[in-house]
Amino acid sequence: MIKPLPLTILLFASCACLAESEVYKIVDEAGRVIYTDTPPAEKSADQLELPPINQLPVSRPAELKSYLLDKPLFAGYSVVDLVAPLDDSLIHFDQQNIIVQLALTPELQAGHFVQFYLDGTAYGRP
């Protein structure tokens, strides 16, 4: 049986080797640019100097408070339905206000918010 610690060390060592590998830029006869980690034997290639890899700190999940463990977890909304405006209804271009109604099952939970988007941009406050 393989022990987990040596396997983990081997995995991290192999990742470190891949991160330090060299990258080559080749331009073929048609002018296409190819990037590779293997230098070609028959063509000349430029070795690229890449910037260092971004490293982000790992965020640790916050510990659950004991009072949160007593409550059942929220399973999510089973129905989210846009009630108004109706599908295929006509909205005039000069209409400044549009009433939007949303039906949720179960009802909106305390601390939850709904955010509407118009043309991919958040509209109003949640």
Protein backbone atom coordinates (compact mmCIF):
# COMPACT_ATOMS: atom_id res chain seq x y z
CA MET A 1 0.00 0.00 0.00
CA ILE A 2 1.27 3.48 -0.89
CA LYS A 3 1.54 5.84 2.02
CA PRO A 4 -0.14 9.23 1.46
CA LEU A 5 2.72 11.46 2.61
CA PRO A 6 5.34 10.29 0.07
CA LEU A 7 2.70 10.37 -2.66
CA THR A 8 1.79 13.96 -1.73
CA ILE A 9 5.45 15.01 -1.76
CA LEU A 10 5.91 13.39 -5.17
CA LEU A 11 2.83 15.21 -6.51
CA PHE A 12 4.03 18.63 -5.31
CA ALA A 13 7.54 17.99 -6.65
CA SER A 14 6.18 17.12 -10.09
CA CYS A 15 4.01 20.27 -10.11
CA ALA A 16 7.02 22.39 -9.21
CA CYS A 17 8.97 20.90 -12.11
CA LEU A 18 6.17 21.70 -14.54
CA ALA A 19 5.98 25.27 -13.28
CA GLU A 20 9.69 25.76 -14.00
CA SER A 21 9.62 24.27 -17.52
CA GLU A 22 10.79 26.32 -20.48
CA VAL A 23 8.51 27.68 -23.19
CA TYR A 24 9.58 28.14 -26.79
CA LYS A 25 8.08 30.27 -29.55
CA ILE A 26 8.26 28.96 -33.10
CA VAL A 27 7.13 30.74 -36.28
CA ASP A 28 6.48 28.27 -39.15
CA GLU A 29 6.74 28.91 -42.90
CA ALA A 30 3.12 30.12 -43.08
CA GLY A 31 3.77 32.70 -40.36
CA ARG A 32 1.77 30.87 -37.67
CA VAL A 33 3.08 31.27 -34.13
CA ILE A 34 3.37 28.08 -32.06
CA TYR A 35 4.18 27.91 -28.35
CA THR A 36 5.63 24.66 -27.02
CA ASP A 37 7.65 23.24 -24.15
CA THR A 38 9.76 21.11 -26.52
CA PRO A 39 12.33 22.87 -28.71
CA PRO A 40 12.24 21.65 -32.32
CA ALA A 41 15.32 19.85 -33.63
CA GLU A 42 15.07 21.12 -37.22
CA LYS A 43 14.04 24.76 -36.63
CA SER A 44 15.28 27.59 -34.50
CA ALA A 45 13.06 28.63 -31.63
CA ASP A 46 13.07 31.56 -29.25
CA GLN A 47 13.07 30.65 -25.57
CA LEU A 48 10.60 32.86 -23.73
CA GLU A 49 11.06 34.35 -20.30
CA LEU A 50 7.66 34.12 -18.63
CA PRO A 51 6.66 36.25 -15.67
CA PRO A 52 6.45 34.49 -12.31
CA ILE A 53 3.29 32.54 -11.57
CA ASN A 54 0.70 34.36 -9.48
CA GLN A 55 0.31 32.75 -6.10
CA LEU A 56 -2.78 33.43 -4.05
CA PRO A 57 -3.14 32.62 -0.38
CA VAL A 58 -5.55 29.82 0.40
CA SER A 59 -8.62 31.03 2.23
CA ARG A 60 -9.80 28.90 5.10
CA PRO A 61 -13.53 28.47 5.68
CA ALA A 62 -14.80 30.17 8.80
CA GLU A 63 -15.70 27.86 11.63
CA LEU A 64 -19.41 27.20 12.00
CA LYS A 65 -20.91 28.70 15.08
CA SER A 66 -22.68 26.27 17.37
CA TYR A 67 -26.01 28.11 17.01
CA LEU A 68 -25.85 27.59 13.22
CA LEU A 69 -25.47 23.87 13.63
CA ASP A 70 -28.81 23.66 15.46
CA LYS A 71 -30.77 25.07 12.50
CA PRO A 72 -31.61 22.90 9.49
CA LEU A 73 -29.74 23.92 6.34
CA PHE A 74 -31.72 25.76 3.67
CA ALA A 75 -32.31 23.42 0.71
CA GLY A 76 -32.80 26.21 -1.84
CA TYR A 77 -35.71 27.55 -3.82
CA SER A 78 -37.77 24.98 -5.69
CA VAL A 79 -39.61 27.51 -7.91
CA VAL A 80 -38.37 30.84 -9.26
CA ASP A 81 -40.94 32.31 -11.64
CA LEU A 82 -41.11 35.71 -13.35
CA VAL A 83 -44.79 36.64 -12.92
CA ALA A 84 -44.75 40.07 -14.54
CA PRO A 85 -44.18 41.20 -17.18
CA LEU A 86 -45.67 38.19 -18.93
CA ASP A 87 -43.61 36.33 -21.51
CA ASP A 88 -43.96 37.87 -25.00
CA SER A 89 -45.69 40.96 -23.61
CA LEU A 90 -45.07 44.30 -25.30
CA ILE A 91 -43.04 46.91 -23.45
CA HIS A 92 -42.82 50.28 -25.18
CA PHE A 93 -39.37 51.78 -25.66
CA ASP A 94 -40.41 55.06 -23.99
CA GLN A 95 -41.86 53.35 -20.91
CA GLN A 96 -39.70 54.57 -18.04
CA ASN A 97 -40.91 52.25 -15.27
CA ILE A 98 -41.54 48.53 -15.58
CA ILE A 99 -43.10 46.58 -12.73
CA VAL A 100 -41.34 43.27 -12.28
CA GLN A 101 -42.82 40.56 -10.06
CA LEU A 102 -41.07 37.40 -8.99
CA ALA A 103 -42.62 34.36 -7.31
CA LEU A 104 -40.41 32.17 -5.11
CA THR A 105 -41.19 28.86 -3.43
CA PRO A 106 -40.49 28.83 -0.53
CA GLU A 107 -40.76 32.56 0.14
CA LEU A 108 -37.65 34.72 0.25
CA GLN A 109 -35.64 33.78 3.33
CA ALA A 110 -34.34 36.29 5.86
CA GLY A 111 -30.93 37.56 4.77
CA HIS A 112 -31.48 36.54 1.12
CA PHE A 113 -31.72 39.09 -1.68
CA VAL A 114 -32.89 39.14 -5.31
CA GLN A 115 -30.91 41.08 -7.90
CA PHE A 116 -32.43 41.87 -11.30
CA TYR A 117 -30.27 42.37 -14.38
CA LEU A 118 -31.02 44.45 -17.45
CA ASP A 119 -28.90 43.73 -20.53
CA GLY A 120 -26.33 41.91 -18.36
CA THR A 121 -25.92 44.78 -15.88
CA ALA A 122 -27.22 44.78 -12.32
CA TYR A 123 -30.28 47.01 -12.09
CA GLY A 124 -31.19 48.69 -8.81
CA ARG A 125 -30.24 47.42 -5.40
CA PRO A 126 -30.75 43.80 -4.36
